[in-house]
Amino acid sequence: MLRFSTAGESHGQGLVAWVSGLPAGIPVDITFVNRELKRRQEGYGRGGRMKIESDQAEILSGVRRSKTTGAPVAMLIANRDWENWKEALPVEEQPQTPEKYRSLTAPRPGHADLAGCLKYNFHEARYVLERASARESAARVAAGALAKLLLAQFGIEVLSHVLAVGNVSARKTATWDEIKAICAQDDTLFRCVDSAAELQMKAAVDEVLRTGDSLGGIFEVIAHNVPPGIGTHANWDERLDGLLAQAVMSLQAVKGVEIGTGIENAVSLGSRVHDQIDYDRKALRFTRPENHAGGLEGGISNGEDIVVRGYLKPISTLRRPLQSVHLETKEPVKAAYERSDVCVVPAAGVAAEAMVALTLTRCFLEKFGGDSLEETRRNFEGYREQVRTF
């Protein structure tokens, strides 16, 4: 079974990604892994941290001669900013902590600061925010890159684009080719296929930069060329739609997840939202003229693109701080401010790609997995022939 975990803090020595359950023989291109990490750092509205970090993954185990060995893969992403935080976050007790690092006692509304302090009995939020930070998602992206490399062996691709920033929305529909083209570019502001809307998004971010505020938005992840039959209806905790929703919702600042056009479907007639079924005799496959279901029916992939949307709240750290309470004195204070982004919707989309890819890979291997890539391929080809001759 595919499993993954991450470790590390935002300003600690680095981040660690650990992935277990990958078959042996998957080609691993470290350039691709690092390209995925770079994509997570891109986007208009990112903060000063992105000028310090240049994320690169170092593979410590599980890969030899550029192929997985079947053993767990461990990767390290060093934090360059650690040099500036050694005194603040020492592993061992220090005789004296510099005053500027002593405590963070004004929890930020919207962040994990207060809830985490209450849970773990901390009287300063530094210990909470370091792990709760979205910096952790870099390790997920590294892990997700390995999942993407496996899926690519079977023609499956996972990409994202931005649908909205604040109250600025792009056109609702985008073709796979448009999404792929925009993701291949290095100079897009928001990874949005609607260039006119993208300029309006930039103006919206410029405005909150001026006023000391922040913006959220909506991203959409597409998994292309997924075969029918991934996931199951048999058990509630194995349904693919539920697993994908949990995976994307687990990302920092995501407060809502939608499969297909689920929100619109809820206020529409059934005759308008259930995807009718056709059959392509040349391709020997069932098809749908529309994809309101987002490629999932009954918790199972149906052969259409899987579409998952994430709804991202505005970043919790504001340059114009909100009202808070001092953790020790309980007196009203302004919330703490630390260097932060203003808008991270494109970056969140890349992190969501990783979570979708990891979830699909888990379910894919549960159905087709073998100890080696070759065994997995034989299982996959046998199933594909079964579907063709259904």
Protein backbone atom coordinates (compact mmCIF):
# COMPACT_ATOMS: atom_id res chain seq x y z
CA MET A 1 0.00 0.00 0.00
CA LEU A 2 1.29 3.45 -0.88
CA ARG A 3 1.98 5.59 2.18
CA PHE A 4 3.67 8.93 2.56
CA SER A 5 4.55 11.29 5.36
CA THR A 6 6.35 14.59 5.83
CA ALA A 7 8.41 16.11 8.63
CA GLY A 8 10.04 19.46 9.28
CA GLU A 9 9.22 23.03 10.24
CA SER A 10 8.91 26.20 8.22
CA HIS A 11 12.18 27.71 9.49
CA GLY A 12 13.88 24.50 10.64
CA GLN A 13 16.83 22.76 9.03
CA GLY A 14 14.67 21.37 6.24
CA LEU A 15 11.68 19.33 5.18
CA VAL A 16 11.58 15.57 4.78
CA ALA A 17 9.28 13.55 2.51
CA TRP A 18 8.96 9.78 2.97
CA VAL A 19 7.14 7.58 0.44
CA SER A 20 6.65 3.83 0.84
CA GLY A 21 4.96 1.30 -1.43
CA LEU A 22 6.22 2.37 -4.85
CA PRO A 23 7.05 -0.56 -7.14
CA ALA A 24 10.65 -1.13 -8.14
CA GLY A 25 11.79 0.12 -11.52
CA ILE A 26 10.00 3.49 -11.80
CA PRO A 27 12.30 5.94 -13.64
CA VAL A 28 13.00 8.90 -11.35
CA ASP A 29 14.03 12.18 -12.96
CA ILE A 30 15.29 14.50 -10.20
CA THR A 31 15.01 17.40 -12.65
CA PHE A 32 11.27 16.77 -12.83
CA VAL A 33 10.99 16.65 -9.03
CA ASN A 34 12.80 19.97 -8.72
CA ARG A 35 10.70 21.49 -11.49
CA GLU A 36 7.58 20.61 -9.49
CA LEU A 37 9.09 22.31 -6.44
CA LYS A 38 9.82 25.40 -8.52
CA ARG A 39 6.22 25.49 -9.77
CA ARG A 40 5.03 25.58 -6.16
CA GLN A 41 7.13 28.69 -5.56
CA GLU A 42 5.75 30.59 -8.54
CA GLY A 43 2.80 32.95 -8.79
CA TYR A 44 2.07 36.63 -8.31
CA GLY A 45 1.58 37.65 -4.69
CA ARG A 46 4.22 35.42 -3.09
CA GLY A 47 6.22 36.89 -0.21
CA GLY A 48 9.89 37.50 0.51
CA ARG A 49 10.52 33.90 1.55
CA MET A 50 10.48 32.86 -2.10
CA LYS A 51 13.47 35.16 -2.72
CA ILE A 52 15.44 33.21 -0.12
CA GLU A 53 14.49 29.63 -0.95
CA SER A 54 15.29 27.78 -4.15
CA ASP A 55 13.83 24.40 -3.34
CA GLN A 56 15.83 21.36 -4.45
CA ALA A 57 15.18 17.78 -3.38
CA GLU A 58 17.97 15.46 -2.31
CA ILE A 59 17.04 11.78 -2.53
CA LEU A 60 18.47 9.89 0.42
CA SER A 61 17.13 6.37 -0.13
CA GLY A 62 14.93 4.15 -2.27
CA VAL A 63 16.36 5.20 -5.65
CA ARG A 64 19.45 3.76 -7.32
CA ARG A 65 20.67 4.53 -10.83
CA SER A 66 17.61 6.75 -11.31
CA LYS A 67 15.05 4.00 -10.61
CA THR A 68 13.05 3.10 -7.53
CA THR A 69 14.20 -0.01 -5.69
CA GLY A 70 10.91 -0.90 -4.00
CA ALA A 71 12.24 0.36 -0.65
CA PRO A 72 10.92 3.56 0.97
CA VAL A 73 12.06 6.75 -0.70
CA ALA A 74 13.29 9.53 1.59
CA MET A 75 13.92 13.06 0.33
CA LEU A 76 15.33 16.16 2.00
CA ILE A 77 14.55 19.76 1.04
CA ALA A 78 16.93 22.08 2.85
CA ASN A 79 15.67 25.41 4.20
CA ARG A 80 18.11 28.18 3.33
CA ASP A 81 16.33 30.46 5.81
CA TRP A 82 17.49 28.14 8.63
CA GLU A 83 20.68 30.22 8.82
CA ASN A 84 18.55 33.15 10.01
CA TRP A 85 16.61 31.08 12.57
CA LYS A 86 19.21 28.89 14.29
CA GLU A 87 19.02 30.94 17.48
CA ALA A 88 15.22 30.93 17.47
CA LEU A 89 14.70 27.21 16.89
CA PRO A 90 17.59 25.30 18.47
CA VAL A 91 17.13 21.56 18.84
CA GLU A 92 18.91 21.60 22.20
CA GLU A 93 18.24 23.95 25.10
CA GLN A 94 20.21 27.18 24.90
CA PRO A 95 21.30 29.33 27.86
CA GLN A 96 19.57 32.37 26.42
CA THR A 97 17.32 33.02 23.44
CA PRO A 98 17.71 36.45 21.80
CA GLU A 99 14.86 38.76 22.76
CA LYS A 100 13.61 39.12 19.17
CA TYR A 101 12.97 35.37 19.07
CA ARG A 102 11.77 34.89 22.64
CA SER A 103 8.07 34.36 22.09
CA LEU A 104 5.10 34.81 19.80
CA THR A 105 2.16 35.46 22.08
CA ALA A 106 -0.35 37.26 19.85
CA PRO A 107 -2.11 34.44 17.92
CA ARG A 108 -3.29 35.23 14.39
CA PRO A 109 -7.00 34.83 13.62
CA GLY A 110 -7.48 32.14 10.97
CA HIS A 111 -4.22 30.38 11.77
CA ALA A 112 -3.58 27.30 13.94
CA ASP A 113 -1.82 29.47 16.55
CA LEU A 114 -4.42 29.60 19.33
CA ALA A 115 -6.04 26.20 18.81
CA GLY A 116 -2.59 24.57 18.72
CA CYS A 117 -1.42 26.36 21.87
CA LEU A 118 -4.51 25.22 23.75
CA LYS A 119 -4.13 21.66 22.46
CA TYR A 120 -0.44 21.24 23.31
CA ASN A 121 -0.29 23.56 26.34
CA PHE A 122 2.16 25.98 24.74
CA HIS A 123 2.17 29.60 25.86
CA GLU A 124 3.77 30.82 22.68
CA ALA A 125 2.63 30.08 19.15
CA ARG A 126 6.07 29.56 17.57
CA TYR A 127 5.99 25.82 18.22
CA VAL A 128 2.61 25.53 16.50
CA LEU A 129 3.01 27.82 13.52
CA GLU A 130 6.34 26.32 12.44
CA ARG A 131 4.70 23.00 11.59
CA ALA A 132 1.27 24.37 10.64
CA SER A 133 2.84 26.63 7.99
CA ALA A 134 2.11 25.93 4.33
CA ARG A 135 5.87 25.63 3.86
CA GLU A 136 5.21 21.95 4.70
CA SER A 137 3.46 21.54 1.35
CA ALA A 138 6.86 21.61 -0.41
CA ALA A 139 7.51 18.13 0.98
CA ARG A 140 4.12 16.98 -0.30
CA VAL A 141 4.99 18.30 -3.77
CA ALA A 142 8.23 16.31 -3.76
CA ALA A 143 6.33 13.16 -2.78
CA GLY A 144 3.65 13.92 -5.36
CA ALA A 145 6.29 14.22 -8.07
CA LEU A 146 7.17 10.55 -7.52
CA ALA A 147 3.48 9.65 -7.80
CA LYS A 148 3.26 11.63 -11.05
CA LEU A 149 6.25 9.76 -12.44
CA LEU A 150 4.51 6.44 -11.81
CA LEU A 151 1.19 7.62 -13.26
CA ALA A 152 2.98 8.93 -16.36
CA GLN A 153 4.11 5.37 -17.11
CA PHE A 154 0.43 4.61 -17.76
CA GLY A 155 -0.44 7.80 -19.63
CA ILE A 156 -2.05 9.59 -16.65
CA GLU A 157 -1.26 13.28 -16.06
CA VAL A 158 -2.24 15.65 -13.25
CA LEU A 159 -2.17 19.45 -13.62
CA SER A 160 -3.93 22.51 -12.19
CA HIS A 161 -5.03 25.99 -13.14
CA VAL A 162 -6.55 28.97 -11.33
CA LEU A 163 -10.26 29.72 -11.66
CA ALA A 164 -10.55 32.69 -9.31
CA VAL A 165 -8.53 35.09 -7.19
CA GLY A 166 -10.66 37.05 -4.75
CA ASN A 167 -13.79 38.13 -6.60
CA VAL A 168 -12.14 37.91 -10.04
CA SER A 169 -13.18 34.76 -11.90
CA ALA A 170 -11.86 33.23 -15.11
CA ARG A 171 -14.12 31.64 -17.68
CA LYS A 172 -15.47 28.37 -16.34
CA THR A 173 -14.29 25.93 -18.98
CA ALA A 174 -10.78 25.13 -20.15
CA THR A 175 -9.60 22.33 -22.42
CA TRP A 176 -6.89 19.92 -21.35
CA ASP A 177 -4.60 21.30 -24.05
CA GLU A 178 -5.08 24.85 -22.72
CA ILE A 179 -4.29 23.76 -19.18
CA LYS A 180 -1.23 21.82 -20.29
CA ALA A 181 0.04 24.79 -22.30
CA ILE A 182 -0.34 27.27 -19.44
CA CYS A 183 1.39 24.87 -17.03
CA ALA A 184 4.36 24.59 -19.39
CA GLN A 185 4.98 28.33 -19.22
CA ASP A 186 7.37 29.84 -16.69
CA ASP A 187 6.13 33.42 -16.83
CA THR A 188 2.41 33.19 -16.04
CA LEU A 189 1.15 35.31 -13.16
CA PHE A 190 -1.52 32.93 -11.86
CA ARG A 191 -1.47 29.88 -14.15
CA CYS A 192 -4.83 30.98 -15.55
CA VAL A 193 -5.94 30.17 -19.09
CA ASP A 194 -8.03 33.36 -19.27
CA SER A 195 -5.46 36.09 -19.96
CA ALA A 196 -7.94 38.95 -19.51
CA ALA A 197 -9.03 37.63 -16.12
CA GLU A 198 -5.39 37.12 -15.14
CA LEU A 199 -4.69 40.83 -15.53
CA GLN A 200 -7.68 41.61 -13.33
CA MET A 201 -6.36 39.12 -10.75
CA LYS A 202 -3.04 41.00 -10.72
CA ALA A 203 -4.85 44.26 -10.11
CA ALA A 204 -6.76 42.68 -7.22
CA VAL A 205 -3.52 41.46 -5.62
CA ASP A 206 -1.89 44.86 -6.12
CA GLU A 207 -4.79 46.42 -4.24
CA VAL A 208 -4.46 44.15 -1.20
CA LEU A 209 -0.70 44.68 -1.24
CA ARG A 210 -1.45 48.38 -0.91
CA THR A 211 -3.97 47.94 1.89
CA GLY A 212 -2.14 45.24 3.88
CA ASP A 213 -4.75 42.57 3.26
CA SER A 214 -4.74 39.12 1.58
CA LEU A 215 -6.75 37.18 -1.01
CA GLY A 216 -7.93 33.61 -1.48
CA GLY A 217 -9.42 31.98 -4.54
CA ILE A 218 -10.28 28.78 -6.39
CA PHE A 219 -7.98 26.33 -8.16
CA GLU A 220 -8.93 23.33 -10.27
CA VAL A 221 -6.95 20.08 -10.53
CA ILE A 222 -7.45 17.83 -13.56
CA ALA A 223 -6.36 14.19 -13.68
CA HIS A 224 -6.30 13.32 -17.38
CA ASN A 225 -6.57 9.87 -18.98
CA VAL A 226 -7.53 8.04 -15.77
CA PRO A 227 -9.02 4.63 -16.66
CA PRO A 228 -12.48 3.67 -15.39
CA GLY A 229 -12.58 1.49 -12.31
CA ILE A 230 -10.22 3.25 -9.87
CA GLY A 231 -11.75 3.40 -6.39
CA THR A 232 -14.79 1.53 -5.12
CA HIS A 233 -18.36 1.94 -3.95
CA ALA A 234 -18.08 -1.03 -1.58
CA ASN A 235 -16.81 0.73 1.57
CA TRP A 236 -17.38 4.32 2.61
CA ASP A 237 -13.73 5.00 3.46
CA GLU A 238 -12.45 3.65 0.12
CA ARG A 239 -14.55 5.80 -2.20
CA LEU A 240 -12.23 7.76 -4.47
CA ASP A 241 -14.25 10.98 -4.28
CA GLY A 242 -14.05 10.94 -0.48
CA LEU A 243 -10.33 10.20 -0.52
CA LEU A 244 -9.67 13.04 -2.96
CA ALA A 245 -11.78 15.46 -0.93
CA GLN A 246 -9.87 14.63 2.24
CA ALA A 247 -6.52 14.87 0.48
CA VAL A 248 -7.18 18.34 -0.94
CA MET A 249 -8.96 19.60 2.18
CA SER A 250 -5.89 18.66 4.23
CA LEU A 251 -3.89 21.41 2.52
CA GLN A 252 -3.29 24.58 4.48
CA ALA A 253 -5.98 27.26 3.93
CA VAL A 254 -8.29 25.02 1.86
CA LYS A 255 -11.78 25.36 3.32
CA GLY A 256 -13.88 23.69 0.62
CA VAL A 257 -13.54 20.96 -2.03
CA GLU A 258 -15.78 20.34 -5.04
CA ILE A 259 -15.87 17.35 -7.39
CA GLY A 260 -16.87 18.29 -10.92
CA THR A 261 -19.61 20.92 -10.88
CA GLY A 262 -20.96 19.65 -7.57
CA ILE A 263 -21.92 23.04 -6.12
CA GLU A 264 -23.79 24.08 -9.26
CA ASN A 265 -25.37 20.62 -9.47
CA ALA A 266 -26.92 21.04 -6.05
CA VAL A 267 -29.22 23.79 -7.30
CA SER A 268 -29.88 22.34 -10.76
CA LEU A 269 -32.28 19.78 -12.21
CA GLY A 270 -31.12 16.19 -12.46
CA SER A 271 -31.85 16.17 -16.17
CA ARG A 272 -29.25 18.90 -16.62
CA VAL A 273 -26.41 17.58 -14.48
CA HIS A 274 -26.27 13.81 -14.95
CA ASP A 275 -23.84 13.02 -17.75
CA GLN A 276 -25.47 11.01 -20.52
CA ILE A 277 -23.65 7.97 -21.85
CA ASP A 278 -22.43 7.27 -25.40
CA TYR A 279 -20.20 4.59 -26.88
CA ASP A 280 -17.27 5.17 -29.22
CA ARG A 281 -17.09 2.00 -31.32
CA LYS A 282 -13.78 2.98 -32.88
CA ALA A 283 -12.06 3.62 -29.55
CA LEU A 284 -13.99 0.78 -27.85
CA ARG A 285 -14.91 2.93 -24.86
CA PHE A 286 -17.90 4.51 -23.18
CA THR A 287 -17.94 8.31 -23.36
CA ARG A 288 -19.78 11.27 -21.86
CA PRO A 289 -20.56 14.42 -23.85
CA GLU A 290 -20.28 16.42 -20.59
CA ASN A 291 -18.46 15.88 -17.30
CA HIS A 292 -20.56 17.38 -14.52
CA ALA A 293 -19.67 14.39 -12.33
CA GLY A 294 -15.98 15.26 -12.51
CA GLY A 295 -14.99 11.79 -13.67
CA LEU A 296 -16.37 10.04 -10.59
CA GLU A 297 -19.60 8.14 -10.05
CA GLY A 298 -20.30 6.06 -6.97
CA GLY A 299 -16.78 6.64 -5.70
CA ILE A 300 -15.30 5.08 -8.86
CA SER A 301 -13.54 6.72 -11.81
CA ASN A 302 -15.67 6.51 -14.95
CA GLY A 303 -13.01 7.18 -17.62
CA GLU A 304 -13.54 10.93 -17.96
CA ASP A 305 -11.13 13.53 -16.60
CA ILE A 306 -11.22 13.71 -12.81
CA VAL A 307 -11.93 17.30 -11.79
CA VAL A 308 -11.33 18.55 -8.23
CA ARG A 309 -11.69 22.17 -7.17
CA GLY A 310 -10.22 23.65 -4.01
CA TYR A 311 -11.56 26.77 -2.31
CA LEU A 312 -8.74 28.64 -0.61
CA LYS A 313 -9.31 31.18 2.15
CA PRO A 314 -7.17 34.34 2.27
CA ILE A 315 -3.77 33.96 3.97
CA SER A 316 -4.11 34.37 7.74
CA THR A 317 -1.06 36.60 8.27
CA LEU A 318 -1.90 40.23 7.49
CA ARG A 319 0.41 43.22 7.33
CA ARG A 320 -2.51 45.14 8.80
CA PRO A 321 -3.10 42.80 11.77
CA LEU A 322 -6.49 41.85 13.14
CA GLN A 323 -7.58 41.93 16.77
CA SER A 324 -6.19 39.21 19.06
CA VAL A 325 -5.51 38.48 22.74
CA HIS A 326 -2.13 38.10 24.47
CA LEU A 327 -1.69 34.45 25.44
CA GLU A 328 -0.31 35.26 28.90
CA THR A 329 -1.96 38.51 30.00
CA LYS A 330 -5.25 37.89 28.12
CA GLU A 331 -5.25 41.59 27.23
CA PRO A 332 -6.35 42.71 23.76
CA VAL A 333 -3.48 43.12 21.27
CA LYS A 334 -2.94 43.18 17.56
CA ALA A 335 -2.13 39.79 16.02
CA ALA A 336 1.49 38.96 15.29
CA TYR A 337 2.87 39.64 11.84
CA GLU A 338 5.57 37.62 10.13
CA ARG A 339 6.85 37.84 6.57
CA SER A 340 4.08 36.27 4.50
CA ASP A 341 2.49 35.85 1.11
CA VAL A 342 -0.50 37.86 -0.04
CA CYS A 343 -1.96 35.33 -2.51
CA VAL A 344 -0.97 31.69 -2.96
CA VAL A 345 -3.72 30.25 -5.17
CA PRO A 346 -1.37 29.01 -7.95
CA ALA A 347 0.98 27.45 -5.38
CA ALA A 348 -1.92 25.77 -3.61
CA GLY A 349 -2.98 24.31 -6.96
CA VAL A 350 0.44 22.67 -7.38
CA ALA A 351 0.26 21.26 -3.84
CA ALA A 352 -3.22 19.95 -4.64
CA GLU A 353 -1.87 18.29 -7.79
CA ALA A 354 0.53 16.40 -5.54
CA MET A 355 -2.25 15.29 -3.20
CA VAL A 356 -4.46 14.18 -6.10
CA ALA A 357 -1.55 12.32 -7.70
CA LEU A 358 -0.66 10.58 -4.43
CA THR A 359 -4.30 9.58 -3.84
CA LEU A 360 -4.73 8.28 -7.38
CA THR A 361 -1.46 6.38 -7.15
CA ARG A 362 -2.56 4.75 -3.91
CA CYS A 363 -5.82 3.55 -5.48
CA PHE A 364 -4.13 2.68 -8.76
CA LEU A 365 -1.63 0.43 -6.98
CA GLU A 366 -4.36 -1.17 -4.89
CA LYS A 367 -5.95 -2.29 -8.16
CA PHE A 368 -2.94 -2.98 -10.37
CA GLY A 369 0.08 -2.93 -8.12
CA GLY A 370 2.92 -5.41 -8.21
CA ASP A 371 6.37 -5.41 -6.68
CA SER A 372 7.88 -4.11 -9.92
CA LEU A 373 6.83 -1.67 -12.61
CA GLU A 374 6.76 -4.55 -15.11
CA GLU A 375 4.36 -6.60 -12.98
CA THR A 376 2.13 -3.57 -12.47
CA ARG A 377 2.11 -2.94 -16.21
CA ARG A 378 1.04 -6.52 -16.94
CA ASN A 379 -1.83 -6.19 -14.48
CA PHE A 380 -2.85 -2.86 -16.01
CA GLU A 381 -2.74 -4.13 -19.59
CA GLY A 382 -4.81 -7.16 -18.67
CA TYR A 383 -7.49 -4.95 -17.15
CA ARG A 384 -7.42 -2.55 -20.10
CA GLU A 385 -8.06 -5.44 -22.46
CA GLN A 386 -10.97 -6.53 -20.27
CA VAL A 387 -12.49 -3.04 -20.56
CA ARG A 388 -11.95 -2.93 -24.33
CA THR A 389 -13.74 -6.24 -24.83
CA PHE A 390 -16.52 -5.59 -22.32
